Amino acid sequence: MIPFERAWPYDIIMKDIYVQSCPFCGQDNVLLPLRPKELPDIKSGKKRLLVFPCCHNRVTVLDADQDYLLTDTKLRQA
């Protein structure tokens, strides 16, 4: 079972990956420094450091599906 408190939803818009809000500072519509072409590598097991540009907090992305990024950090209360 996927630990929901470590997953965060994302959207792909015009070849860019956005989150609706930053899990750390609450900034709306954050453009992530991640490209859709990197998602297959993440899905196959490659870890990726993700630094949120709004507040510079870091998480390691462990896995991804079509809707969520799975990280090594708790992003929400269970």
Protein backbone atom coordinates (compact mmCIF):
# COMPACT_ATOMS: atom_id res chain seq x y z
CA MET A 1 0.00 0.00 0.00
CA ILE A 2 1.33 3.43 -0.95
CA PRO A 3 1.96 5.66 2.08
CA PHE A 4 -0.40 8.53 1.27
CA GLU A 5 1.32 10.94 3.69
CA ARG A 6 4.49 10.74 1.54
CA ALA A 7 2.75 11.22 -1.84
CA TRP A 8 2.02 14.56 -3.50
CA PRO A 9 -0.16 15.15 -6.60
CA TYR A 10 1.26 16.76 -9.72
CA ASP A 11 0.04 17.89 -13.14
CA ILE A 12 1.76 18.00 -16.52
CA ILE A 13 0.93 21.18 -18.43
CA MET A 14 2.65 22.00 -21.72
CA LYS A 15 5.67 19.71 -21.01
CA ASP A 16 6.16 21.20 -17.54
CA ILE A 17 5.39 19.57 -14.18
CA TYR A 18 3.45 21.62 -11.63
CA VAL A 19 2.10 21.02 -8.14
CA GLN A 20 -1.00 22.92 -7.12
CA SER A 21 0.62 23.96 -3.85
CA CYS A 22 3.96 23.51 -2.14
CA PRO A 23 3.70 21.06 0.79
CA PHE A 24 6.15 23.17 2.81
CA CYS A 25 5.34 26.86 2.29
CA GLY A 26 1.89 26.70 0.63
CA GLN A 27 2.86 28.63 -2.52
CA ASP A 28 0.30 28.04 -5.30
CA ASN A 29 1.07 26.62 -8.78
CA VAL A 30 4.72 25.71 -8.30
CA LEU A 31 6.72 24.79 -11.42
CA LEU A 32 8.99 21.88 -10.50
CA PRO A 33 12.52 21.48 -11.86
CA LEU A 34 11.53 18.11 -13.29
CA ARG A 35 10.64 17.16 -16.86
CA PRO A 36 8.06 14.60 -18.00
CA LYS A 37 10.80 12.67 -19.84
CA GLU A 38 12.44 11.97 -16.43
CA LEU A 39 9.32 10.24 -15.05
CA PRO A 40 9.96 6.84 -16.74
CA ASP A 41 13.40 6.70 -15.08
CA ILE A 42 11.84 7.47 -11.69
CA LYS A 43 9.14 4.84 -12.26
CA SER A 44 11.82 2.25 -13.02
CA GLY A 45 13.56 2.85 -9.68
CA LYS A 46 15.92 5.78 -10.17
CA LYS A 47 15.78 8.24 -7.26
CA ARG A 48 15.65 11.98 -7.99
CA LEU A 49 16.41 14.90 -5.67
CA LEU A 50 13.68 17.52 -5.99
CA VAL A 51 14.24 21.04 -4.68
CA PHE A 52 11.12 23.19 -4.51
CA PRO A 53 12.02 26.55 -6.12
CA CYS A 54 9.68 28.54 -3.88
CA CYS A 55 11.21 27.68 -0.47
CA HIS A 56 14.25 25.50 -1.35
CA ASN A 57 13.05 22.54 0.72
CA ARG A 58 14.27 19.19 -0.59
CA VAL A 59 12.75 15.75 -0.98
CA THR A 60 13.91 12.62 -2.75
CA VAL A 61 11.39 11.28 -5.26
CA LEU A 62 11.34 7.48 -4.97
CA ASP A 63 8.53 6.60 -7.38
CA ALA A 64 5.87 8.19 -9.56
CA ASP A 65 2.63 7.26 -11.23
CA GLN A 66 0.33 9.28 -13.48
CA ASP A 67 -0.94 11.43 -10.60
CA TYR A 68 1.42 11.32 -7.62
CA LEU A 69 5.09 11.63 -6.73
CA LEU A 70 6.17 9.32 -3.89
CA THR A 71 8.87 10.86 -1.68
CA ASP A 72 11.03 9.86 1.27
CA THR A 73 9.53 12.65 3.44
CA LYS A 74 6.14 13.03 5.10
CA LEU A 75 4.36 15.80 3.22
CA ARG A 76 1.02 15.73 5.02
CA GLN A 77 -0.54 14.53 8.25
CA ALA A 78 -1.96 11.01 8.08
